[in-house]
Amino acid sequence: MERGELEKLTATKLRELCMEKYPEIQGVSGMKKEEIVEAIIAEEVRLGLRPKTDAAAPKGQTVTDLKAQIRLFRGRRDQALAGQDFDGFTEARAGIKRLKRRIRKLREAS
């Protein structure tokens, strides 16, 4: 399956897919959707079912682009904090955290 197809599936469906096709992947029940997709792709690369170039982030996504997105989220976070918008603050922090994870995965893949 392509990355886009995997990302369209729900976390529950991805877990079922992992348990059926890739029993070697451990800890699927505790993983988040993004982690499951990455684990499936890594396993397919390991098995030779997918080229290594496809194991990295989607095309066009670089560390520089992700850092620019983080700066946008930080601006949203600061605005939410100034406006005492707790939900907006929480969403911005979660976005920053998600993007930092992607940066780490990009650097590990390199």
Protein backbone atom coordinates (compact mmCIF):
# COMPACT_ATOMS: atom_id res chain seq x y z
CA MET A 1 0.00 0.00 0.00
CA GLU A 2 1.11 3.55 -0.66
CA ARG A 3 1.69 6.01 2.18
CA GLY A 4 -1.42 7.98 1.22
CA GLU A 5 -3.59 4.88 1.34
CA LEU A 6 -2.22 3.97 4.76
CA GLU A 7 -2.86 7.45 6.12
CA LYS A 8 -6.49 7.30 4.97
CA LEU A 9 -7.13 4.23 7.15
CA THR A 10 -8.22 4.59 10.75
CA ALA A 11 -5.86 3.64 13.56
CA THR A 12 -8.02 0.60 14.33
CA LYS A 13 -7.83 -0.65 10.73
CA LEU A 14 -4.07 -0.05 10.70
CA ARG A 15 -3.66 -2.08 13.88
CA GLU A 16 -5.65 -4.96 12.35
CA LEU A 17 -3.55 -4.74 9.18
CA CYS A 18 -0.36 -4.88 11.23
CA MET A 19 -1.47 -7.88 13.23
CA GLU A 20 -2.46 -9.77 10.06
CA LYS A 21 0.34 -8.90 7.65
CA TYR A 22 3.24 -7.82 9.90
CA PRO A 23 3.26 -9.82 13.13
CA GLU A 24 6.94 -8.87 13.59
CA ILE A 25 5.93 -5.31 14.53
CA GLN A 26 5.69 -5.20 18.31
CA GLY A 27 3.59 -2.81 20.41
CA VAL A 28 1.05 -1.91 17.74
CA SER A 29 -1.78 -1.68 20.24
CA GLY A 30 -0.05 1.18 22.04
CA MET A 31 1.05 3.12 18.96
CA LYS A 32 -0.55 6.20 17.50
CA LYS A 33 -1.70 6.28 13.88
CA GLU A 34 1.38 8.11 12.60
CA GLU A 35 3.69 5.67 14.40
CA ILE A 36 1.84 2.67 12.94
CA VAL A 37 2.16 4.05 9.39
CA GLU A 38 5.89 4.61 9.89
CA ALA A 39 6.31 1.10 11.36
CA ILE A 40 4.50 -0.49 8.41
CA ILE A 41 6.64 1.41 5.91
CA ALA A 42 9.84 0.54 7.78
CA GLU A 43 8.85 -3.13 7.85
CA GLU A 44 8.07 -3.12 4.12
CA VAL A 45 11.48 -1.57 3.44
CA ARG A 46 13.12 -4.21 5.64
CA LEU A 47 11.32 -6.98 3.75
CA GLY A 48 12.23 -5.45 0.37
CA LEU A 49 8.62 -4.71 -0.58
CA ARG A 50 9.25 -0.97 -0.80
CA PRO A 51 12.27 1.07 -1.92
CA LYS A 52 14.23 2.91 0.77
CA THR A 53 13.50 6.31 -0.74
CA ASP A 54 9.79 5.85 0.04
CA ALA A 55 10.53 5.23 3.72
CA ALA A 56 11.27 8.89 4.38
CA ALA A 57 8.68 11.62 4.77
CA PRO A 58 6.30 12.48 1.93
CA LYS A 59 7.89 14.30 -0.99
CA GLY A 60 8.43 18.02 -0.57
CA GLN A 61 8.61 17.82 3.19
CA THR A 62 11.95 19.02 4.48
CA VAL A 63 13.24 20.00 7.89
CA THR A 64 13.18 23.65 6.80
CA ASP A 65 9.50 23.40 5.83
CA LEU A 66 8.62 21.73 9.11
CA LYS A 67 10.48 24.37 11.12
CA ALA A 68 8.53 27.08 9.30
CA GLN A 69 5.31 25.33 10.29
CA ILE A 70 6.54 25.15 13.90
CA ARG A 71 7.09 28.92 13.87
CA LEU A 72 3.46 29.38 12.74
CA PHE A 73 2.24 27.14 15.54
CA ARG A 74 4.33 29.07 18.06
CA GLY A 75 2.64 32.27 16.93
CA ARG A 76 -0.77 30.64 17.39
CA ARG A 77 0.30 29.37 20.79
CA ASP A 78 1.38 32.83 21.93
CA GLN A 79 -1.88 34.39 20.68
CA ALA A 80 -3.93 31.75 22.46
CA LEU A 81 -1.96 32.28 25.66
CA ALA A 82 -2.45 36.04 25.49
CA GLY A 83 -6.18 35.59 24.81
CA GLN A 84 -6.49 32.94 27.53
CA ASP A 85 -7.77 30.41 24.97
CA PHE A 86 -6.80 27.12 26.60
CA ASP A 87 -8.10 24.94 23.75
CA GLY A 88 -6.17 26.90 21.13
CA PHE A 89 -3.08 26.76 23.31
CA THR A 90 -3.37 22.98 23.67
CA GLU A 91 -3.90 22.47 19.92
CA ALA A 92 -0.87 24.62 19.09
CA ARG A 93 1.33 22.70 21.53
CA ALA A 94 0.16 19.40 20.07
CA GLY A 95 0.95 20.65 16.56
CA ILE A 96 4.44 21.69 17.60
CA LYS A 97 5.04 18.33 19.23
CA ARG A 98 3.82 16.45 16.13
CA LEU A 99 6.07 18.46 13.82
CA LYS A 100 9.10 17.96 16.07
CA ARG A 101 8.51 14.20 15.90
CA ARG A 102 8.47 14.39 12.11
CA ILE A 103 11.75 16.30 12.14
CA ARG A 104 13.35 13.64 14.33
CA LYS A 105 12.12 10.89 12.00
CA LEU A 106 13.46 12.74 8.96
CA ARG A 107 16.85 13.07 10.60
CA GLU A 108 16.87 9.39 11.62
CA ALA A 109 16.02 8.32 8.05
CA SER A 110 18.90 10.35 6.62
